[in-house]
PDB file of N, CA and C in Angstrom:
ATOM      1  N   MET A   1      62.801 171.380 118.484  1.00  0.00           N
ATOM      2  CA  MET A   1      61.769 171.126 119.512  1.00  0.00           C
ATOM      3  C   MET A   1      62.271 170.062 120.463  1.00  0.00           C
ATOM      4  N   GLU A   2      62.245 170.383 121.683  1.00  0.00           N
ATOM      5  CA  GLU A   2      62.631 169.368 122.684  1.00  0.00           C
ATOM      6  C   GLU A   2      61.630 169.356 123.768  1.00  0.00           C
ATOM      7  N   ASP A   3      60.738 168.317 123.732  1.00  0.00           N
ATOM      8  CA  ASP A   3      59.804 168.077 124.759  1.00  0.00           C
ATOM      9  C   ASP A   3      60.511 167.341 125.871  1.00  0.00           C
ATOM     10  N   ARG A   4      60.644 167.901 127.015  1.00  0.00           N
ATOM     11  CA  ARG A   4      61.256 167.297 128.170  1.00  0.00           C
ATOM     12  C   ARG A   4      60.313 166.742 129.203  1.00  0.00           C
ATOM     13  N   VAL A   5      59.044 166.920 128.960  1.00  0.00           N
ATOM     14  CA  VAL A   5      58.048 166.506 129.947  1.00  0.00           C
ATOM     15  C   VAL A   5      57.605 165.034 129.753  1.00  0.00           C
ATOM     16  N   HIS A   6      57.033 164.738 128.575  1.00  0.00           N
ATOM     17  CA  HIS A   6      56.639 163.382 128.408  1.00  0.00           C
ATOM     18  C   HIS A   6      57.256 162.628 127.294  1.00  0.00           C
ATOM     19  N   GLN A   7      57.825 163.240 126.289  1.00  0.00           N
ATOM     20  CA  GLN A   7      58.380 162.643 125.141  1.00  0.00           C
ATOM     21  C   GLN A   7      59.552 161.698 125.546  1.00  0.00           C
ATOM     22  N   PRO A   8      60.491 162.020 126.399  1.00  0.00           N
ATOM     23  CA  PRO A   8      61.546 161.133 126.708  1.00  0.00           C
ATOM     24  C   PRO A   8      61.151 159.801 127.301  1.00  0.00           C
ATOM     25  N   TYR A   9      59.992 159.815 127.948  1.00  0.00           N
ATOM     26  CA  TYR A   9      59.431 158.624 128.568  1.00  0.00           C
ATOM     27  C   TYR A   9      58.568 157.804 127.628  1.00  0.00           C
ATOM     28  N   ARG A  10      58.014 158.357 126.634  1.00  0.00           N
ATOM     29  CA  ARG A  10      57.104 157.694 125.716  1.00  0.00           C
ATOM     30  C   ARG A  10      57.657 157.372 124.332  1.00  0.00           C
ATOM     31  N   MET A  11      58.684 158.042 123.939  1.00  0.00           N
ATOM     32  CA  MET A  11      59.229 157.854 122.537  1.00  0.00           C
ATOM     33  C   MET A  11      59.677 156.428 122.300  1.00  0.00           C
ATOM     34  N   HIS A  12      60.073 155.692 123.256  1.00  0.00           N
ATOM     35  CA  HIS A  12      60.510 154.338 123.036  1.00  0.00           C
ATOM     36  C   HIS A  12      59.423 153.363 122.869  1.00  0.00           C
ATOM     37  N   LEU A  13      58.190 153.832 123.055  1.00  0.00           N
ATOM     38  CA  LEU A  13      57.041 153.043 122.862  1.00  0.00           C
ATOM     39  C   LEU A  13      56.645 152.980 121.346  1.00  0.00           C
ATOM     40  N   ILE A  14      57.178 153.955 120.545  1.00  0.00           N
ATOM     41  CA  ILE A  14      56.873 154.087 119.137  1.00  0.00           C
ATOM     42  C   ILE A  14      58.140 153.641 118.388  1.00  0.00           C
ATOM     43  N   PRO A  15      58.111 152.465 117.820  1.00  0.00           N
ATOM     44  CA  PRO A  15      59.329 151.982 117.085  1.00  0.00           C
ATOM     45  C   PRO A  15      59.744 152.926 116.019  1.00  0.00           C
ATOM     46  N   GLY A  16      61.021 153.342 116.018  1.00  0.00           N
ATOM     47  CA  GLY A  16      61.543 154.214 114.990  1.00  0.00           C
ATOM     48  C   GLY A  16      61.553 155.735 115.449  1.00  0.00           C
ATOM     49  N   LEU A  17      60.772 156.126 116.414  1.00  0.00           N
ATOM     50  CA  LEU A  17      60.737 157.462 116.871  1.00  0.00           C
ATOM     51  C   LEU A  17      62.082 157.985 117.396  1.00  0.00           C
ATOM     52  N   PRO A  18      62.744 157.244 118.270  1.00  0.00           N
ATOM     53  CA  PRO A  18      64.023 157.601 118.774  1.00  0.00           C
ATOM     54  C   PRO A  18      65.011 158.005 117.591  1.00  0.00           C
ATOM     55  N   GLU A  19      65.056 157.077 116.560  1.00  0.00           N
ATOM     56  CA  GLU A  19      65.887 157.331 115.405  1.00  0.00           C
ATOM     57  C   GLU A  19      65.495 158.583 114.621  1.00  0.00           C
ATOM     58  N   ILE A  20      64.234 158.805 114.478  1.00  0.00           N
ATOM     59  CA  ILE A  20      63.741 159.949 113.742  1.00  0.00           C
ATOM     60  C   ILE A  20      64.099 161.254 114.536  1.00  0.00           C
ATOM     61  N   LEU A  21      63.924 161.299 115.838  1.00  0.00           N
ATOM     62  CA  LEU A  21      64.232 162.469 116.600  1.00  0.00           C
ATOM     63  C   LEU A  21      65.712 162.727 116.621  1.00  0.00           C
ATOM     64  N   ALA A  22      66.515 161.654 116.587  1.00  0.00           N
ATOM     65  CA  ALA A  22      67.964 161.831 116.609  1.00  0.00           C
ATOM     66  C   ALA A  22      68.576 162.248 115.267  1.00  0.00           C
ATOM     67  N   ASN A  23      67.881 161.898 114.171  1.00  0.00           N
ATOM     68  CA  ASN A  23      68.550 162.096 112.838  1.00  0.00           C
ATOM     69  C   ASN A  23      67.964 163.136 112.006  1.00  0.00           C
ATOM     70  N   PHE A  24      66.691 163.640 112.322  1.00  0.00           N
ATOM     71  CA  PHE A  24      66.128 164.696 111.488  1.00  0.00           C
ATOM     72  C   PHE A  24      65.983 165.980 112.299  1.00  0.00           C
ATOM     73  N   ASN A  25      66.524 167.000 111.752  1.00  0.00           N
ATOM     74  CA  ASN A  25      66.476 168.337 112.433  1.00  0.00           C
ATOM     75  C   ASN A  25      66.580 169.429 111.420  1.00  0.00           C
ATOM     76  N   PRO A  26      66.330 170.656 111.773  1.00  0.00           N
ATOM     77  CA  PRO A  26      66.365 171.760 110.775  1.00  0.00           C
ATOM     78  C   PRO A  26      67.700 171.955 110.120  1.00  0.00           C
ATOM     79  N   ASP A  27      68.797 171.550 110.725  1.00  0.00           N
ATOM     80  CA  ASP A  27      70.152 171.726 110.135  1.00  0.00           C
ATOM     81  C   ASP A  27      70.394 170.744 109.034  1.00  0.00           C
ATOM     82  N   ASN A  28      69.806 169.546 109.114  1.00  0.00           N
ATOM     83  CA  ASN A  28      70.129 168.591 108.032  1.00  0.00           C
ATOM     84  C   ASN A  28      68.884 168.180 107.171  1.00  0.00           C
ATOM     85  N   THR A  29      67.729 168.786 107.439  1.00  0.00           N
ATOM     86  CA  THR A  29      66.543 168.498 106.668  1.00  0.00           C
ATOM     87  C   THR A  29      65.862 169.790 106.188  1.00  0.00           C
ATOM     88  N   PRO A  30      66.156 170.242 104.960  1.00  0.00           N
ATOM     89  CA  PRO A  30      65.575 171.522 104.505  1.00  0.00           C
ATOM     90  C   PRO A  30      64.101 171.559 104.659  1.00  0.00           C
ATOM     91  N   GLY A  31      63.651 172.768 105.161  1.00  0.00           N
ATOM     92  CA  GLY A  31      62.266 172.955 105.342  1.00  0.00           C
ATOM     93  C   GLY A  31      61.729 172.561 106.643  1.00  0.00           C
ATOM     94  N   LEU A  32      62.390 171.628 107.350  1.00  0.00           N
ATOM     95  CA  LEU A  32      61.863 171.117 108.664  1.00  0.00           C
ATOM     96  C   LEU A  32      62.131 172.179 109.753  1.00  0.00           C
ATOM     97  N   LEU A  33      61.093 172.381 110.612  1.00  0.00           N
ATOM     98  CA  LEU A  33      61.273 173.205 111.756  1.00  0.00           C
ATOM     99  C   LEU A  33      61.451 172.387 113.030  1.00  0.00           C
ATOM    100  N   GLY A  34      60.808 171.203 113.024  1.00  0.00           N
ATOM    101  CA  GLY A  34      61.010 170.308 114.229  1.00  0.00           C
ATOM    102  C   GLY A  34      60.019 169.171 114.169  1.00  0.00           C
ATOM    103  N   ILE A  35      60.284 168.157 115.027  1.00  0.00           N
ATOM    104  CA  ILE A  35      59.410 166.987 115.130  1.00  0.00           C
ATOM    105  C   ILE A  35      59.225 166.715 116.539  1.00  0.00           C
ATOM    106  N   CYS A  36      57.973 166.324 116.921  1.00  0.00           N
ATOM    107  CA  CYS A  36      57.657 165.961 118.313  1.00  0.00           C
ATOM    108  C   CYS A  36      56.560 164.938 118.285  1.00  0.00           C
ATOM    109  N   LEU A  37      56.497 164.272 119.488  1.00  0.00           N
ATOM    110  CA  LEU A  37      55.432 163.326 119.756  1.00  0.00           C
ATOM    111  C   LEU A  37      54.228 164.213 120.072  1.00  0.00           C
ATOM    112  N   SER A  38      53.063 163.899 119.383  1.00  0.00           N
ATOM    113  CA  SER A  38      51.926 164.723 119.661  1.00  0.00           C
ATOM    114  C   SER A  38      51.052 164.139 120.719  1.00  0.00           C
ATOM    115  N   GLY A  39      50.897 164.794 121.825  1.00  0.00           N
ATOM    116  CA  GLY A  39      50.117 164.317 122.919  1.00  0.00           C
ATOM    117  C   GLY A  39      50.783 163.109 123.466  1.00  0.00           C
ATOM    118  N   ALA A  40      49.943 162.047 123.741  1.00  0.00           N
ATOM    119  CA  ALA A  40      50.443 160.831 124.384  1.00  0.00           C
ATOM    120  C   ALA A  40      50.915 159.867 123.255  1.00  0.00           C
ATOM    121  N   GLY A  41      50.727 160.251 122.029  1.00  0.00           N
ATOM    122  CA  GLY A  41      51.089 159.392 120.951  1.00  0.00           C
ATOM    123  C   GLY A  41      49.910 158.577 120.460  1.00  0.00           C
ATOM    124  N   PRO A  42      50.018 157.765 119.402  1.00  0.00           N
ATOM    125  CA  PRO A  42      51.227 157.530 118.712  1.00  0.00           C
ATOM    126  C   PRO A  42      51.490 158.514 117.537  1.00  0.00           C
ATOM    127  N   THR A  43      50.720 159.595 117.478  1.00  0.00           N
ATOM    128  CA  THR A  43      50.893 160.586 116.393  1.00  0.00           C
ATOM    129  C   THR A  43      52.214 161.382 116.609  1.00  0.00           C
ATOM    130  N   ILE A  44      52.900 161.667 115.560  1.00  0.00           N
ATOM    131  CA  ILE A  44      54.013 162.543 115.646  1.00  0.00           C
ATOM    132  C   ILE A  44      53.692 163.782 114.742  1.00  0.00           C
ATOM    133  N   LEU A  45      54.223 164.881 115.101  1.00  0.00           N
ATOM    134  CA  LEU A  45      53.975 166.147 114.441  1.00  0.00           C
ATOM    135  C   LEU A  45      55.277 166.600 113.868  1.00  0.00           C
ATOM    136  N   ALA A  46      55.339 166.894 112.544  1.00  0.00           N
ATOM    137  CA  ALA A  46      56.536 167.397 111.884  1.00  0.00           C
ATOM    138  C   ALA A  46      56.097 168.764 111.384  1.00  0.00           C
ATOM    139  N   LEU A  47      56.683 169.790 111.939  1.00  0.00           N
ATOM    140  CA  LEU A  47      56.412 171.193 111.460  1.00  0.00           C
ATOM    141  C   LEU A  47      57.407 171.538 110.451  1.00  0.00           C
ATOM    142  N   ALA A  48      56.945 172.030 109.302  1.00  0.00           N
ATOM    143  CA  ALA A  48      57.850 172.393 108.207  1.00  0.00           C
ATOM    144  C   ALA A  48      57.259 173.575 107.433  1.00  0.00           C
ATOM    145  N   ILE A  49      58.161 174.181 106.708  1.00  0.00           N
ATOM    146  CA  ILE A  49      57.703 175.364 105.798  1.00  0.00           C
ATOM    147  C   ILE A  49      57.934 175.074 104.322  1.00  0.00           C
ATOM    148  N   ASP A  50      58.582 173.880 104.043  1.00  0.00           N
ATOM    149  CA  ASP A  50      58.871 173.515 102.627  1.00  0.00           C
ATOM    150  C   ASP A  50      59.279 172.062 102.620  1.00  0.00           C
ATOM    151  N   ASN A  51      59.305 171.510 101.385  1.00  0.00           N
ATOM    152  CA  ASN A  51      59.695 170.101 101.196  1.00  0.00           C
ATOM    153  C   ASN A  51      58.939 169.095 101.983  1.00  0.00           C
ATOM    154  N   PHE A  52      57.605 169.238 102.026  1.00  0.00           N
ATOM    155  CA  PHE A  52      56.703 168.450 102.863  1.00  0.00           C
ATOM    156  C   PHE A  52      56.826 167.012 102.459  1.00  0.00           C
ATOM    157  N   ASP A  53      56.669 166.733 101.208  1.00  0.00           N
ATOM    158  CA  ASP A  53      56.631 165.316 100.771  1.00  0.00           C
ATOM    159  C   ASP A  53      57.944 164.647 100.981  1.00  0.00           C
ATOM    160  N   ASP A  54      59.032 165.274 100.741  1.00  0.00           N
ATOM    161  CA  ASP A  54      60.378 164.797 101.021  1.00  0.00           C
ATOM    162  C   ASP A  54      60.557 164.477 102.413  1.00  0.00           C
ATOM    163  N   ILE A  55      60.201 165.331 103.359  1.00  0.00           N
ATOM    164  CA  ILE A  55      60.336 165.152 104.785  1.00  0.00           C
ATOM    165  C   ILE A  55      59.526 163.979 105.209  1.00  0.00           C
ATOM    166  N   ALA A  56      58.243 163.867 104.776  1.00  0.00           N
ATOM    167  CA  ALA A  56      57.293 162.797 105.103  1.00  0.00           C
ATOM    168  C   ALA A  56      57.935 161.490 104.570  1.00  0.00           C
ATOM    169  N   ALA A  57      58.454 161.420 103.357  1.00  0.00           N
ATOM    170  CA  ALA A  57      59.013 160.207 102.838  1.00  0.00           C
ATOM    171  C   ALA A  57      60.166 159.677 103.664  1.00  0.00           C
ATOM    172  N   LYS A  58      61.083 160.591 104.087  1.00  0.00           N
ATOM    173  CA  LYS A  58      62.229 160.176 104.886  1.00  0.00           C
ATOM    174  C   LYS A  58      61.765 159.654 106.256  1.00  0.00           C
ATOM    175  N   ILE A  59      60.795 160.280 106.886  1.00  0.00           N
ATOM    176  CA  ILE A  59      60.282 159.803 108.185  1.00  0.00           C
ATOM    177  C   ILE A  59      59.636 158.459 108.009  1.00  0.00           C
ATOM    178  N   ARG A  60      58.745 158.368 106.958  1.00  0.00           N
ATOM    179  CA  ARG A  60      58.081 157.122 106.751  1.00  0.00           C
ATOM    180  C   ARG A  60      59.033 155.985 106.420  1.00  0.00           C
ATOM    181  N   ALA A  61      60.165 156.244 105.742  1.00  0.00           N
ATOM    182  CA  ALA A  61      61.097 155.233 105.426  1.00  0.00           C
ATOM    183  C   ALA A  61      61.683 154.605 106.742  1.00  0.00           C
ATOM    184  N   VAL A  62      61.912 155.455 107.776  1.00  0.00           N
ATOM    185  CA  VAL A  62      62.394 154.893 109.039  1.00  0.00           C
ATOM    186  C   VAL A  62      61.281 153.991 109.630  1.00  0.00           C
ATOM    187  N   PHE A  63      60.003 154.422 109.670  1.00  0.00           N
ATOM    188  CA  PHE A  63      58.929 153.530 110.163  1.00  0.00           C
ATOM    189  C   PHE A  63      58.886 152.286 109.391  1.00  0.00           C
ATOM    190  N   ASP A  64      58.969 152.374 108.063  1.00  0.00           N
ATOM    191  CA  ASP A  64      58.861 151.158 107.192  1.00  0.00           C
ATOM    192  C   ASP A  64      59.896 150.069 107.454  1.00  0.00           C
ATOM    193  N   ARG A  65      61.120 150.474 107.860  1.00  0.00           N
ATOM    194  CA  ARG A  65      62.129 149.514 108.064  1.00  0.00           C
ATOM    195  C   ARG A  65      62.252 148.942 109.513  1.00  0.00           C
ATOM    196  N   GLN A  66      61.243 149.247 110.322  1.00  0.00           N
ATOM    197  CA  GLN A  66      61.218 148.738 111.647  1.00  0.00           C
ATOM    198  C   GLN A  66      60.835 147.234 111.627  1.00  0.00           C
ATOM    199  N   PRO A  67      61.306 146.455 112.705  1.00  0.00           N
ATOM    200  CA  PRO A  67      61.120 145.005 112.674  1.00  0.00           C
ATOM    201  C   PRO A  67      59.636 144.656 112.579  1.00  0.00           C
ATOM    202  N   ASP A  68      59.337 143.406 112.250  1.00  0.00           N
ATOM    203  CA  ASP A  68      57.992 142.838 112.127  1.00  0.00           C
ATOM    204  C   ASP A  68      57.166 143.505 111.117  1.00  0.00           C
ATOM    205  N   GLY A  69      57.747 143.926 110.023  1.00  0.00           N
ATOM    206  CA  GLY A  69      57.023 144.517 108.866  1.00  0.00           C
ATOM    207  C   GLY A  69      56.821 145.965 108.914  1.00  0.00           C
ATOM    208  N   GLY A  70      57.529 146.676 109.834  1.00  0.00           N
ATOM    209  CA  GLY A  70      57.405 148.109 109.891  1.00  0.00           C
ATOM    210  C   GLY A  70      56.262 148.612 110.669  1.00  0.00           C
ATOM    211  N   VAL A  71      56.143 149.868 110.694  1.00  0.00           N
ATOM    212  CA  VAL A  71      55.002 150.650 111.396  1.00  0.00           C
ATOM    213  C   VAL A  71      54.159 151.277 110.323  1.00  0.00           C
ATOM    214  N   GLU A  72      52.874 150.948 110.306  1.00  0.00           N
ATOM    215  CA  GLU A  72      51.972 151.562 109.368  1.00  0.00           C
ATOM    216  C   GLU A  72      51.837 152.996 109.657  1.00  0.00           C
ATOM    217  N   THR A  73      51.933 153.805 108.631  1.00  0.00           N
ATOM    218  CA  THR A  73      51.833 155.307 108.819  1.00  0.00           C
ATOM    219  C   THR A  73      50.853 155.895 107.851  1.00  0.00           C
ATOM    220  N   VAL A  74      50.353 157.021 108.257  1.00  0.00           N
ATOM    221  CA  VAL A  74      49.467 157.834 107.425  1.00  0.00           C
ATOM    222  C   VAL A  74      50.063 159.264 107.505  1.00  0.00           C
ATOM    223  N   TYR A  75      50.288 159.831 106.303  1.00  0.00           N
ATOM    224  CA  TYR A  75      50.788 161.171 106.238  1.00  0.00           C
ATOM    225  C   TYR A  75      49.728 162.125 105.752  1.00  0.00           C
ATOM    226  N   GLU A  76      49.560 163.219 106.527  1.00  0.00           N
ATOM    227  CA  GLU A  76      48.540 164.271 106.209  1.00  0.00           C
ATOM    228  C   GLU A  76      49.239 165.574 106.253  1.00  0.00           C
ATOM    229  N   LEU A  77      49.034 166.363 105.248  1.00  0.00           N
ATOM    230  CA  LEU A  77      49.472 167.728 105.175  1.00  0.00           C
ATOM    231  C   LEU A  77      48.293 168.586 105.517  1.00  0.00           C
ATOM    232  N   LEU A  78      48.426 169.253 106.642  1.00  0.00           N
ATOM    233  CA  LEU A  78      47.288 170.085 107.168  1.00  0.00           C
ATOM    234  C   LEU A  78      47.442 171.517 106.848  1.00  0.00           C
ATOM    235  N   ASP A  79      46.329 172.222 106.540  1.00  0.00           N
ATOM    236  CA  ASP A  79      46.307 173.693 106.331  1.00  0.00           C
ATOM    237  C   ASP A  79      46.349 174.405 107.670  1.00  0.00           C
ATOM    238  N   ILE A  80      46.894 175.581 107.604  1.00  0.00           N
ATOM    239  CA  ILE A  80      46.780 176.478 108.680  1.00  0.00           C
ATOM    240  C   ILE A  80      45.446 177.232 108.676  1.00  0.00           C
ATOM    241  N   VAL A  81      44.792 177.179 109.787  1.00  0.00           N
ATOM    242  CA  VAL A  81      43.539 177.864 109.946  1.00  0.00           C
ATOM    243  C   VAL A  81      43.775 179.175 110.761  1.00  0.00           C
ATOM    244  N   SER A  82      43.621 180.302 110.157  1.00  0.00           N
ATOM    245  CA  SER A  82      44.029 181.523 110.902  1.00  0.00           C
ATOM    246  C   SER A  82      42.812 182.226 111.430  1.00  0.00           C
ATOM    247  N   GLU A  83      41.561 181.829 111.168  1.00  0.00           N
ATOM    248  CA  GLU A  83      40.433 182.640 111.663  1.00  0.00           C
ATOM    249  C   GLU A  83      40.014 182.243 113.116  1.00  0.00           C
ATOM    250  N   GLY A  84      40.609 181.119 113.669  1.00  0.00           N
ATOM    251  CA  GLY A  84      40.251 180.703 114.962  1.00  0.00           C
ATOM    252  C   GLY A  84      38.944 179.821 114.948  1.00  0.00           C
ATOM    253  N   ALA A  85      38.316 179.565 116.084  1.00  0.00           N
ATOM    254  CA  ALA A  85      37.181 178.777 116.235  1.00  0.00           C
ATOM    255  C   ALA A  85      35.989 179.435 115.523  1.00  0.00           C
ATOM    256  N   THR A  86      35.184 178.684 114.843  1.00  0.00           N
ATOM    257  CA  THR A  86      33.948 179.171 114.233  1.00  0.00           C
ATOM    258  C   THR A  86      32.844 178.269 114.466  1.00  0.00           C
ATOM    259  N   CYS A  87      31.636 178.785 114.492  1.00  0.00           N
ATOM    260  CA  CYS A  87      30.423 178.002 114.699  1.00  0.00           C
ATOM    261  C   CYS A  87      29.907 177.638 113.287  1.00  0.00           C
ATOM    262  N   ILE A  88      29.843 176.336 113.034  1.00  0.00           N
ATOM    263  CA  ILE A  88      29.255 175.916 111.723  1.00  0.00           C
ATOM    264  C   ILE A  88      27.851 175.373 111.788  1.00  0.00           C
ATOM    265  N   GLU A  89      27.353 175.173 113.020  1.00  0.00           N
ATOM    266  CA  GLU A  89      25.944 174.650 113.113  1.00  0.00           C
ATOM    267  C   GLU A  89      25.507 175.053 114.493  1.00  0.00           C
ATOM    268  N   THR A  90      24.248 175.455 114.604  1.00  0.00           N
ATOM    269  CA  THR A  90      23.649 175.791 115.859  1.00  0.00           C
ATOM    270  C   THR A  90      22.545 174.831 116.152  1.00  0.00           C
ATOM    271  N   VAL A  91      22.313 174.562 117.425  1.00  0.00           N
ATOM    272  CA  VAL A  91      21.285 173.619 117.857  1.00  0.00           C
ATOM    273  C   VAL A  91      20.266 174.322 118.686  1.00  0.00           C
ATOM    274  N   ASP A  92      18.962 174.143 118.325  1.00  0.00           N
ATOM    275  CA  ASP A  92      17.922 174.858 118.980  1.00  0.00           C
ATOM    276  C   ASP A  92      17.565 173.860 120.162  1.00  0.00           C
ATOM    277  N   ASN A  93      17.741 174.265 121.453  1.00  0.00           N
ATOM    278  CA  ASN A  93      17.474 173.422 122.599  1.00  0.00           C
ATOM    279  C   ASN A  93      16.122 173.535 123.134  1.00  0.00           C
ATOM    280  N   GLU A  94      15.217 174.191 122.374  1.00  0.00           N
ATOM    281  CA  GLU A  94      13.819 174.379 122.948  1.00  0.00           C
ATOM    282  C   GLU A  94      13.000 173.216 122.565  1.00  0.00           C
TER     283      GLU A  94
END
Protein backbone atom coordinates (compact mmCIF):
# COMPACT_ATOMS: atom_id res chain seq x y z
CA MET A 1 0.00 0.00 0.00
CA GLU A 2 1.50 3.29 -1.03
CA ASP A 3 -0.48 6.42 -0.26
CA ARG A 4 1.15 9.17 -2.27
CA VAL A 5 -1.40 11.88 -1.52
CA HIS A 6 -1.22 12.68 2.19
CA GLN A 7 0.85 10.00 3.93
CA PRO A 8 4.30 11.23 2.81
CA TYR A 9 3.56 14.63 4.32
CA ARG A 10 1.98 13.42 7.57
CA MET A 11 3.85 10.25 8.48
CA HIS A 12 6.67 12.17 10.17
CA LEU A 13 4.13 13.62 12.61
CA ILE A 14 3.66 10.13 14.11
CA PRO A 15 6.83 8.96 15.85
CA GLY A 16 7.76 5.50 14.62
CA LEU A 17 5.52 5.43 11.56
CA PRO A 18 8.31 6.01 9.01
CA GLU A 19 10.20 3.04 10.53
CA ILE A 20 7.09 0.87 10.47
CA LEU A 21 6.30 1.70 6.84
CA ALA A 22 9.91 1.09 5.81
CA ASN A 23 10.35 -2.21 7.65
CA PHE A 24 7.06 -4.11 7.56
CA ASN A 25 5.65 -5.37 4.27
CA PRO A 26 3.99 -8.51 2.88
CA ASP A 27 7.37 -9.92 1.82
CA ASN A 28 8.85 -9.97 5.33
CA THR A 29 5.78 -10.12 7.58
CA PRO A 30 3.65 -13.25 7.12
CA GLY A 31 -0.06 -12.49 6.86
CA LEU A 32 0.37 -8.75 6.36
CA LEU A 33 -1.20 -7.19 3.28
CA GLY A 34 -0.15 -3.60 3.97
CA ILE A 35 0.00 -0.70 6.40
CA CYS A 36 -1.17 2.88 5.93
CA LEU A 37 -1.96 6.03 7.80
CA SER A 38 -5.72 6.10 8.26
CA GLY A 39 -7.20 9.43 7.27
CA ALA A 40 -5.34 12.37 8.75
CA GLY A 41 -3.98 10.18 11.56
CA PRO A 42 -2.94 9.34 14.16
CA THR A 43 -4.60 5.99 13.46
CA ILE A 44 -2.76 3.49 11.31
CA LEU A 45 -4.41 0.60 9.54
CA ALA A 46 -2.69 -2.75 9.10
CA LEU A 47 -4.55 -5.07 6.75
CA ALA A 48 -3.78 -8.73 7.33
CA ILE A 49 -5.15 -12.18 6.65
CA ASP A 50 -3.26 -14.07 9.39
CA ASN A 51 -0.84 -13.61 12.33
CA PHE A 52 -2.78 -10.63 13.66
CA ASP A 53 -1.36 -10.65 17.19
CA ASP A 54 2.23 -11.09 15.98
CA ILE A 55 1.91 -8.24 13.48
CA ALA A 56 0.38 -5.97 16.12
CA ALA A 57 3.10 -6.85 18.63
CA LYS A 58 5.86 -5.98 16.15
CA ILE A 59 4.27 -2.66 15.23
CA ARG A 60 3.60 -1.79 18.87
CA ALA A 61 7.21 -2.59 19.75
CA VAL A 62 8.35 0.14 17.35
CA PHE A 63 5.99 2.63 18.98
CA ASP A 64 7.08 1.52 22.48
CA ARG A 65 10.74 2.31 21.83
CA GLN A 66 10.16 5.87 20.62
CA PRO A 67 11.73 8.71 22.66
CA ASP A 68 10.06 10.20 25.72
CA GLY A 69 8.49 6.97 26.91
CA GLY A 70 7.17 5.72 23.60
CA VAL A 71 3.86 6.20 21.86
CA GLU A 72 0.75 4.87 23.60
CA THR A 73 -1.10 2.44 21.36
CA VAL A 74 -4.39 0.58 21.26
CA TYR A 75 -4.69 -2.55 19.13
CA GLU A 76 -8.11 -3.57 17.86
CA LEU A 77 -8.90 -6.54 15.65
CA LEU A 78 -11.98 -5.60 13.66
CA ASP A 79 -14.47 -7.96 12.05
CA ILE A 80 -15.44 -7.64 8.42
CA VAL A 81 -19.05 -6.57 7.98
CA SER A 82 -20.34 -7.91 4.69
CA GLU A 83 -24.00 -6.90 4.77
CA GLY A 84 -23.39 -3.16 4.31
CA ALA A 85 -25.23 -0.38 6.12
CA THR A 86 -28.21 -1.39 8.21
CA CYS A 87 -30.79 0.56 10.21
CA ILE A 88 -30.74 -0.43 13.87
CA GLU A 89 -33.13 2.22 15.18
CA THR A 90 -35.79 4.44 13.67
CA VAL A 91 -36.91 7.81 14.97
CA ASP A 92 -40.49 9.00 14.72
CA ASN A 93 -40.28 12.69 13.76
CA GLU A 94 -43.99 13.39 14.30
